[in-house]
All heavy atoms as atom14 arrays in JSON, in Angstrom:
{
  "sequence": "GVVGPTGAGKSTLIRLLLRHYEPGSGQLRLGGQALPELSL",
  "atom14_mask": [
    [1, 1, 1, 1, 0, 0, 0, 0, 0, 0, 0, 0, 0, 0],
    [1, 1, 1, 1, 1, 1, 1, 0, 0, 0, 0, 0, 0, 0],
    [1, 1, 1, 1, 1, 1, 1, 0, 0, 0, 0, 0, 0, 0],
    [1, 1, 1, 1, 0, 0, 0, 0, 0, 0, 0, 0, 0, 0],
    [1, 1, 1, 1, 1, 1, 1, 0, 0, 0, 0, 0, 0, 0],
    [1, 1, 1, 1, 1, 1, 1, 0, 0, 0, 0, 0, 0, 0],
    [1, 1, 1, 1, 0, 0, 0, 0, 0, 0, 0, 0, 0, 0],
    [1, 1, 1, 1, 1, 0, 0, 0, 0, 0, 0, 0, 0, 0],
    [1, 1, 1, 1, 0, 0, 0, 0, 0, 0, 0, 0, 0, 0],
    [1, 1, 1, 1, 1, 1, 1, 1, 1, 0, 0, 0, 0, 0],
    [1, 1, 1, 1, 1, 1, 0, 0, 0, 0, 0, 0, 0, 0],
    [1, 1, 1, 1, 1, 1, 1, 0, 0, 0, 0, 0, 0, 0],
    [1, 1, 1, 1, 1, 1, 1, 1, 0, 0, 0, 0, 0, 0],
    [1, 1, 1, 1, 1, 1, 1, 1, 0, 0, 0, 0, 0, 0],
    [1, 1, 1, 1, 1, 1, 1, 1, 1, 1, 1, 0, 0, 0],
    [1, 1, 1, 1, 1, 1, 1, 1, 0, 0, 0, 0, 0, 0],
    [1, 1, 1, 1, 1, 1, 1, 1, 0, 0, 0, 0, 0, 0],
    [1, 1, 1, 1, 1, 1, 1, 1, 0, 0, 0, 0, 0, 0],
    [1, 1, 1, 1, 1, 1, 1, 1, 1, 1, 1, 0, 0, 0],
    [1, 1, 1, 1, 1, 1, 1, 1, 1, 1, 0, 0, 0, 0],
    [1, 1, 1, 1, 1, 1, 1, 1, 1, 1, 1, 1, 0, 0],
    [1, 1, 1, 1, 1, 1, 1, 1, 1, 0, 0, 0, 0, 0],
    [1, 1, 1, 1, 1, 1, 1, 0, 0, 0, 0, 0, 0, 0],
    [1, 1, 1, 1, 0, 0, 0, 0, 0, 0, 0, 0, 0, 0],
    [1, 1, 1, 1, 1, 1, 0, 0, 0, 0, 0, 0, 0, 0],
    [1, 1, 1, 1, 0, 0, 0, 0, 0, 0, 0, 0, 0, 0],
    [1, 1, 1, 1, 1, 1, 1, 1, 1, 0, 0, 0, 0, 0],
    [1, 1, 1, 1, 1, 1, 1, 1, 0, 0, 0, 0, 0, 0],
    [1, 1, 1, 1, 1, 1, 1, 1, 1, 1, 1, 0, 0, 0],
    [1, 1, 1, 1, 1, 1, 1, 1, 0, 0, 0, 0, 0, 0],
    [1, 1, 1, 1, 0, 0, 0, 0, 0, 0, 0, 0, 0, 0],
    [1, 1, 1, 1, 0, 0, 0, 0, 0, 0, 0, 0, 0, 0],
    [1, 1, 1, 1, 1, 1, 1, 1, 1, 0, 0, 0, 0, 0],
    [1, 1, 1, 1, 1, 0, 0, 0, 0, 0, 0, 0, 0, 0],
    [1, 1, 1, 1, 1, 1, 1, 1, 0, 0, 0, 0, 0, 0],
    [1, 1, 1, 1, 1, 1, 1, 0, 0, 0, 0, 0, 0, 0],
    [1, 1, 1, 1, 1, 1, 1, 1, 1, 0, 0, 0, 0, 0],
    [1, 1, 1, 1, 1, 1, 1, 1, 0, 0, 0, 0, 0, 0],
    [1, 1, 1, 1, 1, 1, 0, 0, 0, 0, 0, 0, 0, 0],
    [1, 1, 1, 1, 1, 1, 1, 1, 0, 0, 0, 0, 0, 0]
  ],
  "atom14_positions": [
    [[-14.4, -0.51, -0.39], [-14.55, 0.55, -1.37], [-13.69, 1.74, -0.99], [-13.69, 2.15, 0.17], [0.0, 0.0, 0.0], [0.0, 0.0, 0.0], [0.0, 0.0, 0.0], [0.0, 0.0, 0.0], [0.0, 0.0, 0.0], [0.0, 0.0, 0.0], [0.0, 0.0, 0.0], [0.0, 0.0, 0.0], [0.0, 0.0, 0.0], [0.0, 0.0, 0.0]],
    [[-12.96, 2.3, -1.95], [-12.1, 3.46, -1.71], [-12.54, 4.56, -2.65], [-12.47, 4.41, -3.88], [-10.62, 3.12, -1.93], [-9.74, 4.33, -1.62], [-10.19, 1.93, -1.08], [0.0, 0.0, 0.0], [0.0, 0.0, 0.0], [0.0, 0.0, 0.0], [0.0, 0.0, 0.0], [0.0, 0.0, 0.0], [0.0, 0.0, 0.0], [0.0, 0.0, 0.0]],
    [[-13.01, 5.67, -2.1], [-13.49, 6.78, -2.91], [-12.87, 8.08, -2.41], [-12.25, 8.12, -1.35], [-15.04, 6.87, -2.86], [-15.67, 5.62, -3.43], [-15.52, 7.11, -1.43], [0.0, 0.0, 0.0], [0.0, 0.0, 0.0], [0.0, 0.0, 0.0], [0.0, 0.0, 0.0], [0.0, 0.0, 0.0], [0.0, 0.0, 0.0], [0.0, 0.0, 0.0]],
    [[-13.08, 9.12, -3.17], [-12.56, 10.42, -2.79], [-12.32, 11.26, -4.02], [-12.32, 10.75, -5.16], [0.0, 0.0, 0.0], [0.0, 0.0, 0.0], [0.0, 0.0, 0.0], [0.0, 0.0, 0.0], [0.0, 0.0, 0.0], [0.0, 0.0, 0.0], [0.0, 0.0, 0.0], [0.0, 0.0, 0.0], [0.0, 0.0, 0.0], [0.0, 0.0, 0.0]],
    [[-12.08, 12.55, -3.86], [-11.84, 13.43, -5.0], [-10.51, 13.1, -5.69], [-9.67, 12.38, -5.14], [-11.83, 14.83, -4.37], [-11.45, 14.6, -2.95], [-12.04, 13.29, -2.56], [0.0, 0.0, 0.0], [0.0, 0.0, 0.0], [0.0, 0.0, 0.0], [0.0, 0.0, 0.0], [0.0, 0.0, 0.0], [0.0, 0.0, 0.0], [0.0, 0.0, 0.0]],
    [[-10.31, 13.66, -6.86], [-9.06, 13.47, -7.6], [-7.88, 13.99, -6.79], [-7.93, 15.07, -6.2], [-9.12, 14.22, -8.94], [-10.24, 13.73, -9.7], [-7.85, 14.03, -9.74], [0.0, 0.0, 0.0], [0.0, 0.0, 0.0], [0.0, 0.0, 0.0], [0.0, 0.0, 0.0], [0.0, 0.0, 0.0], [0.0, 0.0, 0.0], [0.0, 0.0, 0.0]],
    [[-6.8, 13.18, -6.76], [-5.6, 13.58, -6.03], [-5.68, 13.32, -4.54], [-4.83, 13.8, -3.79], [0.0, 0.0, 0.0], [0.0, 0.0, 0.0], [0.0, 0.0, 0.0], [0.0, 0.0, 0.0], [0.0, 0.0, 0.0], [0.0, 0.0, 0.0], [0.0, 0.0, 0.0], [0.0, 0.0, 0.0], [0.0, 0.0, 0.0], [0.0, 0.0, 0.0]],
    [[-6.67, 12.54, -4.09], [-6.84, 12.3, -2.66], [-5.87, 11.25, -2.12], [-5.66, 11.16, -0.92], [-8.28, 11.85, -2.36], [0.0, 0.0, 0.0], [0.0, 0.0, 0.0], [0.0, 0.0, 0.0], [0.0, 0.0, 0.0], [0.0, 0.0, 0.0], [0.0, 0.0, 0.0], [0.0, 0.0, 0.0], [0.0, 0.0, 0.0], [0.0, 0.0, 0.0]],
    [[-5.27, 10.43, -3.02], [-4.34, 9.39, -2.58], [-4.84, 7.98, -2.79], [-4.24, 7.02, -2.29], [0.0, 0.0, 0.0], [0.0, 0.0, 0.0], [0.0, 0.0, 0.0], [0.0, 0.0, 0.0], [0.0, 0.0, 0.0], [0.0, 0.0, 0.0], [0.0, 0.0, 0.0], [0.0, 0.0, 0.0], [0.0, 0.0, 0.0], [0.0, 0.0, 0.0]],
    [[-5.92, 7.82, -3.55], [-6.5, 6.48, -3.75], [-5.53, 5.56, -4.5], [-5.24, 4.44, -4.05], [-7.83, 6.59, -4.53], [-8.87, 7.49, -3.87], [-10.18, 7.49, -4.62], [-10.07, 8.09, -6.02], [-9.68, 9.52, -6.0], [0.0, 0.0, 0.0], [0.0, 0.0, 0.0], [0.0, 0.0, 0.0], [0.0, 0.0, 0.0], [0.0, 0.0, 0.0]],
    [[-5.04, 6.01, -5.63], [-4.11, 5.18, -6.41], [-2.78, 5.02, -5.69], [-2.11, 3.99, -5.84], [-3.88, 5.8, -7.8], [-5.07, 5.73, -8.57], [0.0, 0.0, 0.0], [0.0, 0.0, 0.0], [0.0, 0.0, 0.0], [0.0, 0.0, 0.0], [0.0, 0.0, 0.0], [0.0, 0.0, 0.0], [0.0, 0.0, 0.0], [0.0, 0.0, 0.0]],
    [[-2.39, 6.01, -4.91], [-1.16, 5.9, -4.13], [-1.26, 4.75, -3.13], [-0.3, 3.99, -2.94], [-0.88, 7.22, -3.38], [-0.73, 8.28, -4.34], [0.38, 7.11, -2.54], [0.0, 0.0, 0.0], [0.0, 0.0, 0.0], [0.0, 0.0, 0.0], [0.0, 0.0, 0.0], [0.0, 0.0, 0.0], [0.0, 0.0, 0.0], [0.0, 0.0, 0.0]],
    [[-2.42, 4.62, -2.5], [-2.63, 3.52, -1.56], [-2.46, 2.17, -2.26], [-1.83, 1.25, -1.73], [-4.02, 3.64, -0.94], [-4.42, 2.53, 0.05], [-3.5, 2.54, 1.26], [-5.88, 2.7, 0.47], [0.0, 0.0, 0.0], [0.0, 0.0, 0.0], [0.0, 0.0, 0.0], [0.0, 0.0, 0.0], [0.0, 0.0, 0.0], [0.0, 0.0, 0.0]],
    [[-2.99, 2.06, -3.48], [-2.87, 0.82, -4.24], [-1.42, 0.57, -4.63], [-0.93, -0.57, -4.57], [-3.76, 0.87, -5.5], [-5.23, 1.06, -5.11], [-3.57, -0.38, -6.32], [-5.76, 0.0, -4.15], [0.0, 0.0, 0.0], [0.0, 0.0, 0.0], [0.0, 0.0, 0.0], [0.0, 0.0, 0.0], [0.0, 0.0, 0.0], [0.0, 0.0, 0.0]],
    [[-0.7, 1.62, -5.02], [0.71, 1.44, -5.4], [1.55, 0.94, -4.23], [2.47, 0.14, -4.4], [1.28, 2.77, -5.92], [0.67, 3.21, -7.25], [1.43, 4.39, -7.83], [0.79, 4.88, -9.05], [0.13, 6.01, -9.15], [0.02, 6.81, -8.09], [-0.42, 6.39, -10.29], [0.0, 0.0, 0.0], [0.0, 0.0, 0.0], [0.0, 0.0, 0.0]],
    [[1.25, 1.41, -3.03], [1.97, 0.92, -1.86], [1.63, -0.54, -1.58], [2.49, -1.32, -1.17], [1.64, 1.79, -0.64], [2.15, 3.24, -0.7], [1.67, 4.01, 0.52], [3.67, 3.28, -0.78], [0.0, 0.0, 0.0], [0.0, 0.0, 0.0], [0.0, 0.0, 0.0], [0.0, 0.0, 0.0], [0.0, 0.0, 0.0], [0.0, 0.0, 0.0]],
    [[0.38, -0.9, -1.79], [-0.02, -2.29, -1.59], [0.66, -3.2, -2.61], [1.05, -4.33, -2.29], [-1.54, -2.4, -1.71], [-2.15, -3.8, -1.56], [-1.76, -4.42, -0.23], [-3.67, -3.73, -1.68], [0.0, 0.0, 0.0], [0.0, 0.0, 0.0], [0.0, 0.0, 0.0], [0.0, 0.0, 0.0], [0.0, 0.0, 0.0], [0.0, 0.0, 0.0]],
    [[0.85, -2.7, -3.83], [1.54, -3.47, -4.87], [3.06, -3.42, -4.73], [3.77, -4.06, -5.5], [1.15, -2.93, -6.25], [-0.32, -3.09, -6.65], [-0.62, -2.24, -7.88], [-0.64, -4.55, -6.94], [0.0, 0.0, 0.0], [0.0, 0.0, 0.0], [0.0, 0.0, 0.0], [0.0, 0.0, 0.0], [0.0, 0.0, 0.0], [0.0, 0.0, 0.0]],
    [[3.53, -2.64, -3.77], [4.96, -2.41, -3.53], [5.64, -1.77, -4.73], [6.8, -2.05, -5.04], [5.68, -3.71, -3.15], [5.47, -4.14, -1.72], [6.57, -5.06, -1.23], [7.85, -4.36, -1.12], [9.03, -4.98, -1.06], [9.1, -6.3, -1.12], [10.15, -4.29, -0.95], [0.0, 0.0, 0.0], [0.0, 0.0, 0.0], [0.0, 0.0, 0.0]],
    [[4.94, -0.88, -5.41], [5.6, -0.05, -6.41], [6.49, 0.97, -5.7], [7.48, 1.42, -6.26], [4.56, 0.68, -7.27], [3.85, -0.23, -8.21], [2.82, 0.18, -9.04], [4.0, -1.56, -8.47], [2.39, -0.84, -9.75], [3.08, -1.9, -9.42], [0.0, 0.0, 0.0], [0.0, 0.0, 0.0], [0.0, 0.0, 0.0], [0.0, 0.0, 0.0]],
    [[6.11, 1.33, -4.5], [6.88, 2.22, -3.64], [6.91, 1.64, -2.24], [6.08, 0.81, -1.88], [6.27, 3.63, -3.59], [6.25, 4.36, -4.91], [5.16, 4.26, -5.78], [7.32, 5.16, -5.29], [5.14, 4.93, -6.99], [7.31, 5.84, -6.5], [6.23, 5.73, -7.35], [6.21, 6.39, -8.54], [0.0, 0.0, 0.0], [0.0, 0.0, 0.0]],
    [[7.88, 2.09, -1.44], [7.95, 1.7, -0.04], [7.37, 2.83, 0.8], [7.62, 4.01, 0.54], [9.41, 1.43, 0.38], [10.07, 0.29, -0.38], [9.48, -1.06, -0.05], [8.62, -1.14, 0.85], [9.87, -2.05, -0.7], [0.0, 0.0, 0.0], [0.0, 0.0, 0.0], [0.0, 0.0, 0.0], [0.0, 0.0, 0.0], [0.0, 0.0, 0.0]],
    [[6.59, 2.51, 1.81], [6.0, 3.56, 2.65], [7.05, 4.31, 3.46], [8.1, 3.75, 3.8], [5.04, 2.79, 3.57], [5.6, 1.4, 3.6], [6.2, 1.17, 2.26], [0.0, 0.0, 0.0], [0.0, 0.0, 0.0], [0.0, 0.0, 0.0], [0.0, 0.0, 0.0], [0.0, 0.0, 0.0], [0.0, 0.0, 0.0], [0.0, 0.0, 0.0]],
    [[6.75, 5.59, 3.74], [7.67, 6.36, 4.57], [7.64, 5.9, 6.01], [8.67, 5.85, 6.69], [0.0, 0.0, 0.0], [0.0, 0.0, 0.0], [0.0, 0.0, 0.0], [0.0, 0.0, 0.0], [0.0, 0.0, 0.0], [0.0, 0.0, 0.0], [0.0, 0.0, 0.0], [0.0, 0.0, 0.0], [0.0, 0.0, 0.0], [0.0, 0.0, 0.0]],
    [[6.46, 5.56, 6.5], [6.3, 5.03, 7.85], [5.04, 4.16, 7.87], [4.2, 4.24, 6.97], [6.19, 6.17, 8.87], [5.05, 6.97, 8.62], [0.0, 0.0, 0.0], [0.0, 0.0, 0.0], [0.0, 0.0, 0.0], [0.0, 0.0, 0.0], [0.0, 0.0, 0.0], [0.0, 0.0, 0.0], [0.0, 0.0, 0.0], [0.0, 0.0, 0.0]],
    [[4.91, 3.37, 8.91], [3.76, 2.48, 9.0], [4.02, 1.16, 8.32], [5.14, 0.86, 7.86], [0.0, 0.0, 0.0], [0.0, 0.0, 0.0], [0.0, 0.0, 0.0], [0.0, 0.0, 0.0], [0.0, 0.0, 0.0], [0.0, 0.0, 0.0], [0.0, 0.0, 0.0], [0.0, 0.0, 0.0], [0.0, 0.0, 0.0], [0.0, 0.0, 0.0]],
    [[3.0, 0.34, 8.25], [3.18, -1.02, 7.75], [1.92, -1.54, 7.07], [0.8, -1.21, 7.47], [3.54, -1.94, 8.92], [4.08, -3.3, 8.52], [4.53, -4.09, 9.73], [3.72, -4.4, 10.61], [5.82, -4.43, 9.8], [0.0, 0.0, 0.0], [0.0, 0.0, 0.0], [0.0, 0.0, 0.0], [0.0, 0.0, 0.0], [0.0, 0.0, 0.0]],
    [[2.12, -2.33, 6.02], [1.03, -3.07, 5.38], [1.29, -4.55, 5.59], [2.42, -5.03, 5.38], [0.97, -2.78, 3.88], [0.65, -1.35, 3.44], [1.93, -0.57, 3.18], [-0.22, -1.35, 2.17], [0.0, 0.0, 0.0], [0.0, 0.0, 0.0], [0.0, 0.0, 0.0], [0.0, 0.0, 0.0], [0.0, 0.0, 0.0], [0.0, 0.0, 0.0]],
    [[0.27, -5.29, 6.0], [0.41, -6.73, 6.23], [-0.66, -7.47, 5.45], [-1.83, -7.06, 5.43], [0.3, -7.06, 7.72], [1.45, -6.52, 8.56], [1.44, -7.14, 9.96], [0.24, -6.75, 10.69], [0.11, -5.63, 11.39], [1.12, -4.77, 11.43], [-1.01, -5.36, 12.04], [0.0, 0.0, 0.0], [0.0, 0.0, 0.0], [0.0, 0.0, 0.0]],
    [[-0.25, -8.56, 4.81], [-1.15, -9.41, 4.06], [-1.05, -10.82, 4.64], [0.04, -11.4, 4.69], [-0.79, -9.43, 2.58], [-1.76, -10.16, 1.64], [-3.12, -9.46, 1.63], [-1.19, -10.23, 0.23], [0.0, 0.0, 0.0], [0.0, 0.0, 0.0], [0.0, 0.0, 0.0], [0.0, 0.0, 0.0], [0.0, 0.0, 0.0], [0.0, 0.0, 0.0]],
    [[-2.18, -11.34, 5.1], [-2.16, -12.65, 5.74], [-1.32, -12.66, 7.0], [-0.73, -13.71, 7.35], [0.0, 0.0, 0.0], [0.0, 0.0, 0.0], [0.0, 0.0, 0.0], [0.0, 0.0, 0.0], [0.0, 0.0, 0.0], [0.0, 0.0, 0.0], [0.0, 0.0, 0.0], [0.0, 0.0, 0.0], [0.0, 0.0, 0.0], [0.0, 0.0, 0.0]],
    [[-1.23, -11.52, 7.68], [-0.46, -11.42, 8.92], [1.02, -11.17, 8.71], [1.77, -11.0, 9.68], [0.0, 0.0, 0.0], [0.0, 0.0, 0.0], [0.0, 0.0, 0.0], [0.0, 0.0, 0.0], [0.0, 0.0, 0.0], [0.0, 0.0, 0.0], [0.0, 0.0, 0.0], [0.0, 0.0, 0.0], [0.0, 0.0, 0.0], [0.0, 0.0, 0.0]],
    [[1.49, -11.12, 7.46], [2.91, -10.91, 7.17], [3.13, -9.53, 6.57], [2.38, -9.09, 5.69], [3.41, -11.98, 6.17], [3.18, -13.42, 6.61], [3.95, -13.77, 7.87], [4.99, -13.19, 8.16], [3.44, -14.74, 8.63], [0.0, 0.0, 0.0], [0.0, 0.0, 0.0], [0.0, 0.0, 0.0], [0.0, 0.0, 0.0], [0.0, 0.0, 0.0]],
    [[4.17, -8.84, 7.05], [4.54, -7.55, 6.47], [4.93, -7.75, 5.01], [5.6, -8.74, 4.66], [5.69, -6.92, 7.25], [0.0, 0.0, 0.0], [0.0, 0.0, 0.0], [0.0, 0.0, 0.0], [0.0, 0.0, 0.0], [0.0, 0.0, 0.0], [0.0, 0.0, 0.0], [0.0, 0.0, 0.0], [0.0, 0.0, 0.0], [0.0, 0.0, 0.0]],
    [[4.53, -6.84, 4.14], [4.78, -7.01, 2.72], [6.26, -7.22, 2.37], [6.58, -8.07, 1.53], [4.23, -5.82, 1.93], [2.71, -5.62, 1.95], [2.3, -4.6, 0.9], [1.97, -6.93, 1.73], [0.0, 0.0, 0.0], [0.0, 0.0, 0.0], [0.0, 0.0, 0.0], [0.0, 0.0, 0.0], [0.0, 0.0, 0.0], [0.0, 0.0, 0.0]],
    [[7.21, -6.49, 3.01], [8.62, -6.73, 2.66], [9.11, -8.12, 3.03], [10.14, -8.57, 2.52], [9.37, -5.66, 3.48], [8.36, -4.58, 3.71], [7.06, -5.31, 3.88], [0.0, 0.0, 0.0], [0.0, 0.0, 0.0], [0.0, 0.0, 0.0], [0.0, 0.0, 0.0], [0.0, 0.0, 0.0], [0.0, 0.0, 0.0], [0.0, 0.0, 0.0]],
    [[8.39, -8.83, 3.92], [8.8, -10.18, 4.3], [8.39, -11.21, 3.25], [8.9, -12.33, 3.24], [8.18, -10.56, 5.65], [8.69, -9.7, 6.81], [8.0, -10.04, 8.11], [7.1, -10.92, 8.1], [8.35, -9.45, 9.14], [0.0, 0.0, 0.0], [0.0, 0.0, 0.0], [0.0, 0.0, 0.0], [0.0, 0.0, 0.0], [0.0, 0.0, 0.0]],
    [[7.46, -10.83, 2.37], [7.06, -11.7, 1.27], [7.96, -11.45, 0.07], [8.36, -10.33, -0.2], [5.61, -11.43, 0.87], [4.54, -11.57, 1.96], [3.2, -11.08, 1.42], [4.43, -13.01, 2.43], [0.0, 0.0, 0.0], [0.0, 0.0, 0.0], [0.0, 0.0, 0.0], [0.0, 0.0, 0.0], [0.0, 0.0, 0.0], [0.0, 0.0, 0.0]],
    [[8.28, -12.51, -0.64], [8.99, -12.3, -1.9], [8.06, -11.58, -2.87], [6.84, -11.7, -2.78], [9.45, -13.64, -2.5], [8.33, -14.39, -2.93], [0.0, 0.0, 0.0], [0.0, 0.0, 0.0], [0.0, 0.0, 0.0], [0.0, 0.0, 0.0], [0.0, 0.0, 0.0], [0.0, 0.0, 0.0], [0.0, 0.0, 0.0], [0.0, 0.0, 0.0]],
    [[8.64, -10.82, -3.8], [7.81, -10.1, -4.76], [6.96, -11.06, -5.59], [5.8, -10.76, -5.91], [8.69, -9.25, -5.68], [9.26, -7.97, -5.06], [10.19, -7.28, -6.04], [8.15, -7.03, -4.62], [0.0, 0.0, 0.0], [0.0, 0.0, 0.0], [0.0, 0.0, 0.0], [0.0, 0.0, 0.0], [0.0, 0.0, 0.0], [0.0, 0.0, 0.0]]
  ]
}
């Protein structure tokens, strides 16, 4: 569950997971693989 006030970054977190944007730093991994290593 992801909660917080308006403008807290909840939808931004989802957009990064969907790869609508690339993160400035850090990494997201799905199934042990970094998202950029997966084809879209």
